[in-house]
Amino acid sequence: MKAGNSKEQIMLGDYPKALTHAIMNTLSTNNDLSSRLLSNNDLMNKFARSILDVFIENLKQSRNL
């Protein structure tokens, strides 16, 4: 909000439409990714391990706070 616009002013602009568009694009991408993961066990295993690594790293960081 560097330009000095309030949240209400931002909500009256193009922001809500842009957010909706971004969410819709993400939904399409997530559906494609989900289909690929569910149909490929090796890819699913790599993805699961990657997500587990992220969870473990976040847990370690939260314990160090």
PDB file of N, CA and C in Angstrom:
ATOM      1  N   MET A   1       0.829  -1.181   0.000  1.00  0.00           N
ATOM      2  CA  MET A   1       0.000   0.000   0.000  1.00  0.00           C
ATOM      3  C   MET A   1       0.877   1.250   0.000  1.00  0.00           C
ATOM      4  N   LYS A   2       1.968   1.216  -0.755  1.00  0.00           N
ATOM      5  CA  LYS A   2       2.851   2.361  -0.843  1.00  0.00           C
ATOM      6  C   LYS A   2       2.157   3.572  -1.443  1.00  0.00           C
ATOM      7  N   ALA A   3       1.200   3.353  -2.334  1.00  0.00           N
ATOM      8  CA  ALA A   3       0.515   4.461  -2.992  1.00  0.00           C
ATOM      9  C   ALA A   3      -0.492   5.130  -2.066  1.00  0.00           C
ATOM     10  N   GLY A   4      -0.674   4.601  -0.875  1.00  0.00           N
ATOM     11  CA  GLY A   4      -1.592   5.202   0.079  1.00  0.00           C
ATOM     12  C   GLY A   4      -3.030   4.747  -0.058  1.00  0.00           C
ATOM     13  N   ASN A   5      -3.269   3.713  -0.845  1.00  0.00           N
ATOM     14  CA  ASN A   5      -4.623   3.198  -0.997  1.00  0.00           C
ATOM     15  C   ASN A   5      -5.009   2.376   0.227  1.00  0.00           C
ATOM     16  N   SER A   6      -6.232   2.534   0.671  1.00  0.00           N
ATOM     17  CA  SER A   6      -6.724   1.726   1.778  1.00  0.00           C
ATOM     18  C   SER A   6      -7.113   0.342   1.253  1.00  0.00           C
ATOM     19  N   LYS A   7      -7.302  -0.587   2.162  1.00  0.00           N
ATOM     20  CA  LYS A   7      -7.750  -1.931   1.768  1.00  0.00           C
ATOM     21  C   LYS A   7      -9.078  -1.851   1.039  1.00  0.00           C
ATOM     22  N   GLU A   8      -9.957  -0.985   1.479  1.00  0.00           N
ATOM     23  CA  GLU A   8     -11.264  -0.844   0.839  1.00  0.00           C
ATOM     24  C   GLU A   8     -11.115  -0.362  -0.604  1.00  0.00           C
ATOM     25  N   GLN A   9     -10.194   0.581  -0.836  1.00  0.00           N
ATOM     26  CA  GLN A   9      -9.970   1.082  -2.190  1.00  0.00           C
ATOM     27  C   GLN A   9      -9.393  -0.010  -3.084  1.00  0.00           C
ATOM     28  N   ILE A  10      -8.481  -0.791  -2.524  1.00  0.00           N
ATOM     29  CA  ILE A  10      -7.887  -1.886  -3.295  1.00  0.00           C
ATOM     30  C   ILE A  10      -8.956  -2.908  -3.666  1.00  0.00           C
ATOM     31  N   MET A  11      -9.844  -3.212  -2.731  1.00  0.00           N
ATOM     32  CA  MET A  11     -10.907  -4.187  -2.987  1.00  0.00           C
ATOM     33  C   MET A  11     -11.895  -3.691  -4.042  1.00  0.00           C
ATOM     34  N   LEU A  12     -11.988  -2.385  -4.234  1.00  0.00           N
ATOM     35  CA  LEU A  12     -12.880  -1.841  -5.257  1.00  0.00           C
ATOM     36  C   LEU A  12     -12.231  -1.828  -6.635  1.00  0.00           C
ATOM     37  N   GLY A  13     -10.927  -2.043  -6.692  1.00  0.00           N
ATOM     38  CA  GLY A  13     -10.208  -2.031  -7.965  1.00  0.00           C
ATOM     39  C   GLY A  13     -10.208  -3.402  -8.630  1.00  0.00           C
ATOM     40  N   ASP A  14      -9.158  -3.666  -9.391  1.00  0.00           N
ATOM     41  CA  ASP A  14      -9.029  -4.916 -10.150  1.00  0.00           C
ATOM     42  C   ASP A  14      -8.487  -6.078  -9.326  1.00  0.00           C
ATOM     43  N   TYR A  15      -8.081  -5.814  -8.098  1.00  0.00           N
ATOM     44  CA  TYR A  15      -7.485  -6.860  -7.275  1.00  0.00           C
ATOM     45  C   TYR A  15      -8.373  -8.098  -7.130  1.00  0.00           C
ATOM     46  N   PRO A  16      -9.662  -7.975  -6.766  1.00  0.00           N
ATOM     47  CA  PRO A  16     -10.474  -9.192  -6.619  1.00  0.00           C
ATOM     48  C   PRO A  16     -10.546 -10.025  -7.902  1.00  0.00           C
ATOM     49  N   LYS A  17     -10.662  -9.365  -9.056  1.00  0.00           N
ATOM     50  CA  LYS A  17     -10.713 -10.103 -10.327  1.00  0.00           C
ATOM     51  C   LYS A  17      -9.376 -10.772 -10.614  1.00  0.00           C
ATOM     52  N   ALA A  18      -8.278 -10.067 -10.344  1.00  0.00           N
ATOM     53  CA  ALA A  18      -6.955 -10.631 -10.581  1.00  0.00           C
ATOM     54  C   ALA A  18      -6.712 -11.843  -9.679  1.00  0.00           C
ATOM     55  N   LEU A  19      -7.150 -11.752  -8.431  1.00  0.00           N
ATOM     56  CA  LEU A  19      -6.996 -12.869  -7.505  1.00  0.00           C
ATOM     57  C   LEU A  19      -7.822 -14.067  -7.955  1.00  0.00           C
ATOM     58  N   THR A  20      -9.052 -13.820  -8.363  1.00  0.00           N
ATOM     59  CA  THR A  20      -9.909 -14.897  -8.861  1.00  0.00           C
ATOM     60  C   THR A  20      -9.273 -15.574 -10.074  1.00  0.00           C
ATOM     61  N   HIS A  21      -8.739 -14.778 -10.984  1.00  0.00           N
ATOM     62  CA  HIS A  21      -8.079 -15.318 -12.177  1.00  0.00           C
ATOM     63  C   HIS A  21      -6.865 -16.172 -11.787  1.00  0.00           C
ATOM     64  N   ALA A  22      -6.078 -15.683 -10.840  1.00  0.00           N
ATOM     65  CA  ALA A  22      -4.906 -16.431 -10.401  1.00  0.00           C
ATOM     66  C   ALA A  22      -5.303 -17.759  -9.757  1.00  0.00           C
ATOM     67  N   ILE A  23      -6.350 -17.741  -8.952  1.00  0.00           N
ATOM     68  CA  ILE A  23      -6.824 -18.970  -8.301  1.00  0.00           C
ATOM     69  C   ILE A  23      -7.333 -19.961  -9.339  1.00  0.00           C
ATOM     70  N   MET A  24      -8.051 -19.483 -10.329  1.00  0.00           N
ATOM     71  CA  MET A  24      -8.571 -20.368 -11.372  1.00  0.00           C
ATOM     72  C   MET A  24      -7.424 -20.993 -12.172  1.00  0.00           C
ATOM     73  N   ASN A  25      -6.387 -20.213 -12.464  1.00  0.00           N
ATOM     74  CA  ASN A  25      -5.231 -20.754 -13.180  1.00  0.00           C
ATOM     75  C   ASN A  25      -4.509 -21.796 -12.340  1.00  0.00           C
ATOM     76  N   THR A  26      -4.399 -21.549 -11.049  1.00  0.00           N
ATOM     77  CA  THR A  26      -3.759 -22.496 -10.149  1.00  0.00           C
ATOM     78  C   THR A  26      -4.560 -23.785 -10.059  1.00  0.00           C
ATOM     79  N   LEU A  27      -5.873 -23.665 -10.035  1.00  0.00           N
ATOM     80  CA  LEU A  27      -6.729 -24.846  -9.970  1.00  0.00           C
ATOM     81  C   LEU A  27      -6.474 -25.758 -11.166  1.00  0.00           C
ATOM     82  N   SER A  28      -6.395 -25.177 -12.340  1.00  0.00           N
ATOM     83  CA  SER A  28      -6.127 -25.953 -13.548  1.00  0.00           C
ATOM     84  C   SER A  28      -4.766 -26.633 -13.462  1.00  0.00           C
ATOM     85  N   THR A  29      -3.762 -25.892 -13.030  1.00  0.00           N
ATOM     86  CA  THR A  29      -2.421 -26.441 -12.889  1.00  0.00           C
ATOM     87  C   THR A  29      -2.402 -27.553 -11.857  1.00  0.00           C
ATOM     88  N   ASN A  30      -3.086 -27.352 -10.732  1.00  0.00           N
ATOM     89  CA  ASN A  30      -3.114 -28.372  -9.684  1.00  0.00           C
ATOM     90  C   ASN A  30      -3.812 -29.637 -10.152  1.00  0.00           C
ATOM     91  N   ASN A  31      -4.856 -29.496 -10.955  1.00  0.00           N
ATOM     92  CA  ASN A  31      -5.534 -30.678 -11.495  1.00  0.00           C
ATOM     93  C   ASN A  31      -4.600 -31.476 -12.397  1.00  0.00           C
ATOM     94  N   ASP A  32      -3.844 -30.770 -13.229  1.00  0.00           N
ATOM     95  CA  ASP A  32      -2.882 -31.443 -14.108  1.00  0.00           C
ATOM     96  C   ASP A  32      -1.819 -32.159 -13.293  1.00  0.00           C
ATOM     97  N   LEU A  33      -1.286 -31.477 -12.276  1.00  0.00           N
ATOM     98  CA  LEU A  33      -0.263 -32.059 -11.422  1.00  0.00           C
ATOM     99  C   LEU A  33      -0.817 -33.260 -10.668  1.00  0.00           C
ATOM    100  N   SER A  34      -2.014 -33.128 -10.135  1.00  0.00           N
ATOM    101  CA  SER A  34      -2.637 -34.236  -9.393  1.00  0.00           C
ATOM    102  C   SER A  34      -2.789 -35.466 -10.276  1.00  0.00           C
ATOM    103  N   SER A  35      -3.239 -35.270 -11.487  1.00  0.00           N
ATOM    104  CA  SER A  35      -3.414 -36.394 -12.415  1.00  0.00           C
ATOM    105  C   SER A  35      -2.094 -37.097 -12.691  1.00  0.00           C
ATOM    106  N   ARG A  36      -1.049 -36.305 -12.906  1.00  0.00           N
ATOM    107  CA  ARG A  36       0.266 -36.904 -13.174  1.00  0.00           C
ATOM    108  C   ARG A  36       0.786 -37.671 -11.962  1.00  0.00           C
ATOM    109  N   LEU A  37       0.620 -37.085 -10.779  1.00  0.00           N
ATOM    110  CA  LEU A  37       1.103 -37.752  -9.567  1.00  0.00           C
ATOM    111  C   LEU A  37       0.357 -39.056  -9.315  1.00  0.00           C
ATOM    112  N   LEU A  38      -0.946 -39.028  -9.481  1.00  0.00           N
ATOM    113  CA  LEU A  38      -1.756 -40.218  -9.194  1.00  0.00           C
ATOM    114  C   LEU A  38      -1.547 -41.336 -10.205  1.00  0.00           C
ATOM    115  N   SER A  39      -1.051 -41.002 -11.372  1.00  0.00           N
ATOM    116  CA  SER A  39      -0.864 -42.027 -12.399  1.00  0.00           C
ATOM    117  C   SER A  39       0.582 -42.515 -12.502  1.00  0.00           C
ATOM    118  N   ASN A  40       1.481 -41.959 -11.686  1.00  0.00           N
ATOM    119  CA  ASN A  40       2.889 -42.322 -11.786  1.00  0.00           C
ATOM    120  C   ASN A  40       3.453 -42.522 -10.372  1.00  0.00           C
ATOM    121  N   ASN A  41       3.619 -43.784  -9.988  1.00  0.00           N
ATOM    122  CA  ASN A  41       4.077 -44.100  -8.624  1.00  0.00           C
ATOM    123  C   ASN A  41       5.447 -43.527  -8.311  1.00  0.00           C
ATOM    124  N   ASP A  42       6.373 -43.572  -9.271  1.00  0.00           N
ATOM    125  CA  ASP A  42       7.714 -43.035  -9.032  1.00  0.00           C
ATOM    126  C   ASP A  42       7.660 -41.531  -8.784  1.00  0.00           C
ATOM    127  N   LEU A  43       6.903 -40.834  -9.593  1.00  0.00           N
ATOM    128  CA  LEU A  43       6.761 -39.389  -9.430  1.00  0.00           C
ATOM    129  C   LEU A  43       6.088 -39.063  -8.101  1.00  0.00           C
ATOM    130  N   MET A  44       5.080 -39.845  -7.741  1.00  0.00           N
ATOM    131  CA  MET A  44       4.381 -39.640  -6.474  1.00  0.00           C
ATOM    132  C   MET A  44       5.339 -39.837  -5.299  1.00  0.00           C
ATOM    133  N   ASN A  45       6.181 -40.850  -5.372  1.00  0.00           N
ATOM    134  CA  ASN A  45       7.141 -41.120  -4.306  1.00  0.00           C
ATOM    135  C   ASN A  45       8.130 -39.958  -4.163  1.00  0.00           C
ATOM    136  N   LYS A  46       8.642 -39.449  -5.271  1.00  0.00           N
ATOM    137  CA  LYS A  46       9.565 -38.315  -5.230  1.00  0.00           C
ATOM    138  C   LYS A  46       8.871 -37.083  -4.651  1.00  0.00           C
ATOM    139  N   PHE A  47       7.645 -36.860  -5.047  1.00  0.00           N
ATOM    140  CA  PHE A  47       6.879 -35.719  -4.547  1.00  0.00           C
ATOM    141  C   PHE A  47       6.637 -35.852  -3.044  1.00  0.00           C
ATOM    142  N   ALA A  48       6.254 -37.036  -2.607  1.00  0.00           N
ATOM    143  CA  ALA A  48       5.989 -37.283  -1.186  1.00  0.00           C
ATOM    144  C   ALA A  48       7.246 -37.036  -0.357  1.00  0.00           C
ATOM    145  N   ARG A  49       8.378 -37.486  -0.846  1.00  0.00           N
ATOM    146  CA  ARG A  49       9.637 -37.268  -0.132  1.00  0.00           C
ATOM    147  C   ARG A  49       9.992 -35.779  -0.080  1.00  0.00           C
ATOM    148  N   SER A  50       9.753 -35.072  -1.166  1.00  0.00           N
ATOM    149  CA  SER A  50      10.035 -33.636  -1.193  1.00  0.00           C
ATOM    150  C   SER A  50       9.169 -32.881  -0.198  1.00  0.00           C
ATOM    151  N   ILE A  51       7.896 -33.214  -0.156  1.00  0.00           N
ATOM    152  CA  ILE A  51       6.989 -32.565   0.784  1.00  0.00           C
ATOM    153  C   ILE A  51       7.383 -32.907   2.220  1.00  0.00           C
ATOM    154  N   LEU A  52       7.782 -34.150   2.462  1.00  0.00           N
ATOM    155  CA  LEU A  52       8.228 -34.564   3.793  1.00  0.00           C
ATOM    156  C   LEU A  52       9.456 -33.767   4.209  1.00  0.00           C
ATOM    157  N   ASP A  53      10.383 -33.557   3.278  1.00  0.00           N
ATOM    158  CA  ASP A  53      11.566 -32.742   3.576  1.00  0.00           C
ATOM    159  C   ASP A  53      11.166 -31.328   4.002  1.00  0.00           C
ATOM    160  N   VAL A  54      10.200 -30.753   3.318  1.00  0.00           N
ATOM    161  CA  VAL A  54       9.728 -29.408   3.664  1.00  0.00           C
ATOM    162  C   VAL A  54       9.111 -29.403   5.057  1.00  0.00           C
ATOM    163  N   PHE A  55       8.268 -30.382   5.353  1.00  0.00           N
ATOM    164  CA  PHE A  55       7.651 -30.468   6.679  1.00  0.00           C
ATOM    165  C   PHE A  55       8.705 -30.591   7.779  1.00  0.00           C
ATOM    166  N   ILE A  56       9.682 -31.459   7.563  1.00  0.00           N
ATOM    167  CA  ILE A  56      10.728 -31.669   8.566  1.00  0.00           C
ATOM    168  C   ILE A  56      11.530 -30.390   8.768  1.00  0.00           C
ATOM    169  N   GLU A  57      11.880 -29.711   7.692  1.00  0.00           N
ATOM    170  CA  GLU A  57      12.633 -28.461   7.799  1.00  0.00           C
ATOM    171  C   GLU A  57      11.823 -27.401   8.540  1.00  0.00           C
ATOM    172  N   ASN A  58      10.539 -27.300   8.234  1.00  0.00           N
ATOM    173  CA  ASN A  58       9.688 -26.336   8.948  1.00  0.00           C
ATOM    174  C   ASN A  58       9.577 -26.679  10.428  1.00  0.00           C
ATOM    175  N   LEU A  59       9.494 -27.951  10.742  1.00  0.00           N
ATOM    176  CA  LEU A  59       9.430 -28.368  12.140  1.00  0.00           C
ATOM    177  C   LEU A  59      10.718 -28.016  12.872  1.00  0.00           C
ATOM    178  N   LYS A  60      11.852 -28.253  12.227  1.00  0.00           N
ATOM    179  CA  LYS A  60      13.140 -27.903  12.837  1.00  0.00           C
ATOM    180  C   LYS A  60      13.221 -26.403  13.084  1.00  0.00           C
ATOM    181  N   GLN A  61      12.794 -25.613  12.102  1.00  0.00           N
ATOM    182  CA  GLN A  61      12.844 -24.147  12.252  1.00  0.00           C
ATOM    183  C   GLN A  61      11.918 -23.667  13.355  1.00  0.00           C
ATOM    184  N   SER A  62      10.737 -24.264  13.461  1.00  0.00           N
ATOM    185  CA  SER A  62       9.800 -23.832  14.497  1.00  0.00           C
ATOM    186  C   SER A  62      10.311 -24.180  15.892  1.00  0.00           C
ATOM    187  N   ARG A  63      11.073 -25.221  16.018  1.00  0.00           N
ATOM    188  CA  ARG A  63      11.647 -25.592  17.321  1.00  0.00           C
ATOM    189  C   ARG A  63      12.784 -24.669  17.727  1.00  0.00           C
ATOM    190  N   ASN A  64      13.420 -24.030  16.737  1.00  0.00           N
ATOM    191  CA  ASN A  64      14.539 -23.133  17.022  1.00  0.00           C
ATOM    192  C   ASN A  64      14.072 -21.713  17.355  1.00  0.00           C
ATOM    193  N   LEU A  65      12.788 -21.457  17.283  1.00  0.00           N
ATOM    194  CA  LEU A  65      12.296 -20.110  17.585  1.00  0.00           C
ATOM    195  C   LEU A  65      12.310 -19.835  19.012  1.00  0.00           C
TER     196      LEU A  65
END
